[in-house]
Amino acid sequence: MAHTVRHAVLTVGTLIALVGCSTSSGTADPADPPSRPSASTPVSPPSPRPSKSPATPTPSASASPSSTAPADGTRLSACGDGQCEVSVGEGAQVPVPERAFGTPVMNVTRIEGDETTLEWRRTDGSRSTITLFSPGGLSIGGYELTVTVRGKRAVLRMAEAAAP
């Protein structure tokens, strides 16, 4: 019982000291003595409030670049004009600018480890195969191709190459 009384006195004393140190204007005026509750003022613990936040955290709007989704998602048709950022898997047929690649479609033939292999057949019958290492890329036909492997998929970025 003595311990409980000491605890209550300490709590009331702490509250009095804290209230006495604060002012509504943020500055203390030495002419105005601080108002203090009397020792007989009952002090009750704050009542618990129900939480309005969700039980599970929601993702923040600013995700790190490595975890963000590609700008064009899995919409491969976005690559037809030579400007895209898409997620591809093995077997994907990616539309490409025919004037630059000699074919309208490039195939993703393999994604393994940090390597992505792309293949296309030109309209003249020749075939091209390239393997890009993640992260990495190359310039071909006036376009920059880069890949970043993410498990069994890769993020393929295609953009016009900068002028030298």
C-alpha atoms as a PDB file:
ATOM      1  CA  MET A   1       0.000   0.000   0.000  1.00  0.00           C
ATOM      2  CA  ALA A   2       2.824   2.411   0.856  1.00  0.00           C
ATOM      3  CA  HIS A   3       4.345   1.752  -2.589  1.00  0.00           C
ATOM      4  CA  THR A   4       1.036   2.625  -4.307  1.00  0.00           C
ATOM      5  CA  VAL A   5       0.683   5.881  -2.358  1.00  0.00           C
ATOM      6  CA  ARG A   6       4.285   6.869  -3.190  1.00  0.00           C
ATOM      7  CA  HIS A   7       3.641   6.099  -6.860  1.00  0.00           C
ATOM      8  CA  ALA A   8       0.466   8.233  -6.858  1.00  0.00           C
ATOM      9  CA  VAL A   9       2.261  11.125  -5.134  1.00  0.00           C
ATOM     10  CA  LEU A  10       5.127  10.913  -7.641  1.00  0.00           C
ATOM     11  CA  THR A  11       2.676  10.863 -10.546  1.00  0.00           C
ATOM     12  CA  VAL A  12       0.705  13.857  -9.222  1.00  0.00           C
ATOM     13  CA  GLY A  13       3.965  15.678  -8.448  1.00  0.00           C
ATOM     14  CA  THR A  14       5.271  15.030 -11.953  1.00  0.00           C
ATOM     15  CA  LEU A  15       2.033  16.271 -13.508  1.00  0.00           C
ATOM     16  CA  ILE A  16       2.115  19.421 -11.375  1.00  0.00           C
ATOM     17  CA  ALA A  17       5.691  20.095 -12.442  1.00  0.00           C
ATOM     18  CA  LEU A  18       4.876  19.546 -16.113  1.00  0.00           C
ATOM     19  CA  VAL A  19       1.735  21.683 -16.046  1.00  0.00           C
ATOM     20  CA  GLY A  20       3.593  24.400 -14.159  1.00  0.00           C
ATOM     21  CA  CYS A  21       6.293  24.525 -16.850  1.00  0.00           C
ATOM     22  CA  SER A  22       3.938  24.907 -19.780  1.00  0.00           C
ATOM     23  CA  THR A  23       2.117  28.000 -20.977  1.00  0.00           C
ATOM     24  CA  SER A  24      -0.449  28.482 -23.659  1.00  0.00           C
ATOM     25  CA  SER A  25       1.631  31.098 -25.490  1.00  0.00           C
ATOM     26  CA  GLY A  26       4.818  29.081 -25.447  1.00  0.00           C
ATOM     27  CA  THR A  27       6.742  31.749 -23.442  1.00  0.00           C
ATOM     28  CA  ALA A  28       6.784  32.231 -19.697  1.00  0.00           C
ATOM     29  CA  ASP A  29       5.877  35.589 -18.190  1.00  0.00           C
ATOM     30  CA  PRO A  30       7.583  36.016 -14.795  1.00  0.00           C
ATOM     31  CA  ALA A  31       4.783  38.372 -13.650  1.00  0.00           C
ATOM     32  CA  ASP A  32       2.171  35.621 -14.040  1.00  0.00           C
ATOM     33  CA  PRO A  33       2.610  32.724 -11.658  1.00  0.00           C
ATOM     34  CA  PRO A  34       1.916  29.386 -13.331  1.00  0.00           C
ATOM     35  CA  SER A  35      -1.466  27.895 -12.542  1.00  0.00           C
ATOM     36  CA  ARG A  36      -1.218  24.618 -10.716  1.00  0.00           C
ATOM     37  CA  PRO A  37      -3.881  22.094  -9.890  1.00  0.00           C
ATOM     38  CA  SER A  38      -4.446  21.549  -6.211  1.00  0.00           C
ATOM     39  CA  ALA A  39      -3.111  18.410  -4.601  1.00  0.00           C
ATOM     40  CA  SER A  40      -6.686  17.233  -4.144  1.00  0.00           C
ATOM     41  CA  THR A  41      -7.377  17.279  -7.908  1.00  0.00           C
ATOM     42  CA  PRO A  42      -7.900  13.647  -8.913  1.00  0.00           C
ATOM     43  CA  VAL A  43      -5.656  12.372 -11.680  1.00  0.00           C
ATOM     44  CA  SER A  44      -6.999   9.613 -13.860  1.00  0.00           C
ATOM     45  CA  PRO A  45      -5.043   7.686 -16.468  1.00  0.00           C
ATOM     46  CA  PRO A  46      -5.902   8.417 -20.089  1.00  0.00           C
ATOM     47  CA  SER A  47      -8.641   6.209 -21.444  1.00  0.00           C
ATOM     48  CA  PRO A  48      -7.652   3.898 -24.272  1.00  0.00           C
ATOM     49  CA  ARG A  49      -8.926   5.022 -27.655  1.00  0.00           C
ATOM     50  CA  PRO A  50      -9.888   2.611 -30.381  1.00  0.00           C
ATOM     51  CA  SER A  51      -7.389   2.679 -33.188  1.00  0.00           C
ATOM     52  CA  LYS A  52      -8.670   3.967 -36.505  1.00  0.00           C
ATOM     53  CA  SER A  53      -5.603   2.789 -38.394  1.00  0.00           C
ATOM     54  CA  PRO A  54      -5.692  -0.495 -40.323  1.00  0.00           C
ATOM     55  CA  ALA A  55      -4.397  -3.620 -38.638  1.00  0.00           C
ATOM     56  CA  THR A  56      -1.792  -4.102 -41.340  1.00  0.00           C
ATOM     57  CA  PRO A  57       0.501  -1.367 -42.599  1.00  0.00           C
ATOM     58  CA  THR A  58      -0.203   0.045 -46.016  1.00  0.00           C
ATOM     59  CA  PRO A  59       2.648   0.487 -48.483  1.00  0.00           C
ATOM     60  CA  SER A  60       4.005   3.976 -48.831  1.00  0.00           C
ATOM     61  CA  ALA A  61       3.626   5.857 -52.063  1.00  0.00           C
ATOM     62  CA  SER A  62       7.380   6.199 -52.473  1.00  0.00           C
ATOM     63  CA  ALA A  63       8.737   2.765 -53.138  1.00  0.00           C
ATOM     64  CA  SER A  64      12.376   2.084 -53.834  1.00  0.00           C
ATOM     65  CA  PRO A  65      13.339   1.800 -57.489  1.00  0.00           C
ATOM     66  CA  SER A  66      14.195  -1.860 -57.209  1.00  0.00           C
ATOM     67  CA  SER A  67      10.694  -2.701 -56.014  1.00  0.00           C
ATOM     68  CA  THR A  68       8.698  -0.471 -58.343  1.00  0.00           C
ATOM     69  CA  ALA A  69       6.690  -1.960 -61.160  1.00  0.00           C
ATOM     70  CA  PRO A  70       7.833  -1.224 -64.708  1.00  0.00           C
ATOM     71  CA  ALA A  71       6.173   1.864 -66.190  1.00  0.00           C
ATOM     72  CA  ASP A  72       4.305  -0.166 -68.829  1.00  0.00           C
ATOM     73  CA  GLY A  73       3.734  -3.237 -66.648  1.00  0.00           C
ATOM     74  CA  THR A  74       3.335  -6.329 -68.847  1.00  0.00           C
ATOM     75  CA  ARG A  75       1.799  -4.403 -71.754  1.00  0.00           C
ATOM     76  CA  LEU A  76       4.317  -5.514 -74.383  1.00  0.00           C
ATOM     77  CA  SER A  77       2.569  -3.543 -77.139  1.00  0.00           C
ATOM     78  CA  ALA A  78       4.047  -0.404 -75.552  1.00  0.00           C
ATOM     79  CA  CYS A  79       7.417  -1.376 -77.071  1.00  0.00           C
ATOM     80  CA  GLY A  80       6.258  -1.103 -80.688  1.00  0.00           C
ATOM     81  CA  ASP A  81       7.311   2.542 -80.885  1.00  0.00           C
ATOM     82  CA  GLY A  82      10.724   1.874 -79.318  1.00  0.00           C
ATOM     83  CA  GLN A  83       9.939   3.499 -75.953  1.00  0.00           C
ATOM     84  CA  CYS A  84       8.941   1.131 -73.147  1.00  0.00           C
ATOM     85  CA  GLU A  85       9.684  -0.392 -69.773  1.00  0.00           C
ATOM     86  CA  VAL A  86       8.000  -3.795 -69.434  1.00  0.00           C
ATOM     87  CA  SER A  87       8.191  -6.980 -67.397  1.00  0.00           C
ATOM     88  CA  VAL A  88       8.899  -9.988 -69.621  1.00  0.00           C
ATOM     89  CA  GLY A  89       9.149 -13.728 -69.106  1.00  0.00           C
ATOM     90  CA  GLU A  90      10.575 -16.498 -71.262  1.00  0.00           C
ATOM     91  CA  GLY A  91       8.561 -16.864 -74.451  1.00  0.00           C
ATOM     92  CA  ALA A  92       7.458 -13.223 -74.549  1.00  0.00           C
ATOM     93  CA  GLN A  93       7.133 -11.739 -78.027  1.00  0.00           C
ATOM     94  CA  VAL A  94       8.018  -8.075 -77.803  1.00  0.00           C
ATOM     95  CA  PRO A  95       7.010  -5.727 -80.642  1.00  0.00           C
ATOM     96  CA  VAL A  96       9.960  -3.595 -81.810  1.00  0.00           C
ATOM     97  CA  PRO A  97      10.458  -0.871 -84.446  1.00  0.00           C
ATOM     98  CA  GLU A  98      10.944  -2.829 -87.674  1.00  0.00           C
ATOM     99  CA  ARG A  99      13.065  -0.087 -89.256  1.00  0.00           C
ATOM    100  CA  ALA A 100      15.681  -0.543 -86.493  1.00  0.00           C
ATOM    101  CA  PHE A 101      15.571  -4.303 -85.912  1.00  0.00           C
ATOM    102  CA  GLY A 102      14.636  -5.576 -89.368  1.00  0.00           C
ATOM    103  CA  THR A 103      11.677  -7.413 -87.848  1.00  0.00           C
ATOM    104  CA  PRO A 104       8.511  -6.386 -86.022  1.00  0.00           C
ATOM    105  CA  VAL A 105       8.973  -8.840 -83.110  1.00  0.00           C
ATOM    106  CA  MET A 106      11.793  -9.788 -80.723  1.00  0.00           C
ATOM    107  CA  ASN A 107      11.507 -12.992 -78.644  1.00  0.00           C
ATOM    108  CA  VAL A 108      12.673 -13.505 -75.065  1.00  0.00           C
ATOM    109  CA  THR A 109      14.151 -17.000 -75.279  1.00  0.00           C
ATOM    110  CA  ARG A 110      15.811 -17.364 -71.880  1.00  0.00           C
ATOM    111  CA  ILE A 111      16.006 -15.743 -68.453  1.00  0.00           C
ATOM    112  CA  GLU A 112      18.423 -17.506 -66.153  1.00  0.00           C
ATOM    113  CA  GLY A 113      20.559 -16.202 -63.321  1.00  0.00           C
ATOM    114  CA  ASP A 114      21.500 -12.674 -64.335  1.00  0.00           C
ATOM    115  CA  GLU A 115      21.199 -13.338 -68.088  1.00  0.00           C
ATOM    116  CA  THR A 116      18.397 -12.549 -70.528  1.00  0.00           C
ATOM    117  CA  THR A 117      18.603 -13.865 -74.092  1.00  0.00           C
ATOM    118  CA  LEU A 118      16.727 -12.104 -76.888  1.00  0.00           C
ATOM    119  CA  GLU A 119      16.335 -13.401 -80.434  1.00  0.00           C
ATOM    120  CA  TRP A 120      14.780 -12.129 -83.643  1.00  0.00           C
ATOM    121  CA  ARG A 121      14.641 -13.124 -87.296  1.00  0.00           C
ATOM    122  CA  ARG A 122      14.957 -10.355 -89.820  1.00  0.00           C
ATOM    123  CA  THR A 123      12.756 -10.136 -92.866  1.00  0.00           C
ATOM    124  CA  ASP A 124      15.847 -10.970 -94.991  1.00  0.00           C
ATOM    125  CA  GLY A 125      16.046 -14.372 -93.237  1.00  0.00           C
ATOM    126  CA  SER A 126      19.039 -13.658 -90.970  1.00  0.00           C
ATOM    127  CA  ARG A 127      18.781 -14.294 -87.249  1.00  0.00           C
ATOM    128  CA  SER A 128      20.170 -12.289 -84.329  1.00  0.00           C
ATOM    129  CA  THR A 129      20.647 -13.537 -80.783  1.00  0.00           C
ATOM    130  CA  ILE A 130      21.930 -11.410 -77.915  1.00  0.00           C
ATOM    131  CA  THR A 131      22.433 -12.179 -74.248  1.00  0.00           C
ATOM    132  CA  LEU A 132      22.284  -9.250 -71.851  1.00  0.00           C
ATOM    133  CA  PHE A 133      23.617  -9.437 -68.305  1.00  0.00           C
ATOM    134  CA  SER A 134      21.656  -7.830 -65.486  1.00  0.00           C
ATOM    135  CA  PRO A 135      21.921  -4.995 -64.951  1.00  0.00           C
ATOM    136  CA  GLY A 136      23.223  -4.123 -68.364  1.00  0.00           C
ATOM    137  CA  GLY A 137      22.392  -3.344 -71.915  1.00  0.00           C
ATOM    138  CA  LEU A 138      23.507  -2.388 -75.373  1.00  0.00           C
ATOM    139  CA  SER A 139      22.836   0.033 -78.182  1.00  0.00           C
ATOM    140  CA  ILE A 140      21.425  -1.425 -81.389  1.00  0.00           C
ATOM    141  CA  GLY A 141      19.742   0.144 -84.402  1.00  0.00           C
ATOM    142  CA  GLY A 142      19.589   3.550 -82.718  1.00  0.00           C
ATOM    143  CA  TYR A 143      17.975   2.152 -79.558  1.00  0.00           C
ATOM    144  CA  GLU A 144      19.265   1.367 -76.070  1.00  0.00           C
ATOM    145  CA  LEU A 145      18.123  -1.978 -74.643  1.00  0.00           C
ATOM    146  CA  THR A 146      18.679  -2.676 -70.953  1.00  0.00           C
ATOM    147  CA  VAL A 147      17.518  -5.496 -68.706  1.00  0.00           C
ATOM    148  CA  THR A 148      17.265  -6.085 -64.996  1.00  0.00           C
ATOM    149  CA  VAL A 149      16.496  -9.663 -63.964  1.00  0.00           C
ATOM    150  CA  ARG A 150      13.946 -10.132 -61.181  1.00  0.00           C
ATOM    151  CA  GLY A 151      13.695 -13.844 -60.471  1.00  0.00           C
ATOM    152  CA  LYS A 152      12.212 -15.625 -63.479  1.00  0.00           C
ATOM    153  CA  ARG A 153      11.245 -12.344 -65.151  1.00  0.00           C
ATOM    154  CA  ALA A 154      13.207  -9.382 -66.449  1.00  0.00           C
ATOM    155  CA  VAL A 155      12.448  -5.706 -66.795  1.00  0.00           C
ATOM    156  CA  LEU A 156      13.216  -4.723 -70.380  1.00  0.00           C
ATOM    157  CA  ARG A 157      13.752  -1.034 -71.118  1.00  0.00           C
ATOM    158  CA  MET A 158      13.913   0.303 -74.647  1.00  0.00           C
ATOM    159  CA  ALA A 159      14.569   3.918 -75.572  1.00  0.00           C
ATOM    160  CA  GLU A 160      16.077   5.874 -78.417  1.00  0.00           C
ATOM    161  CA  ALA A 161      19.844   6.070 -78.010  1.00  0.00           C
ATOM    162  CA  ALA A 162      21.283   9.448 -77.144  1.00  0.00           C
ATOM    163  CA  ALA A 163      23.083  11.187 -79.984  1.00  0.00           C
ATOM    164  CA  PRO A 164      26.887  10.917 -79.708  1.00  0.00           C
END
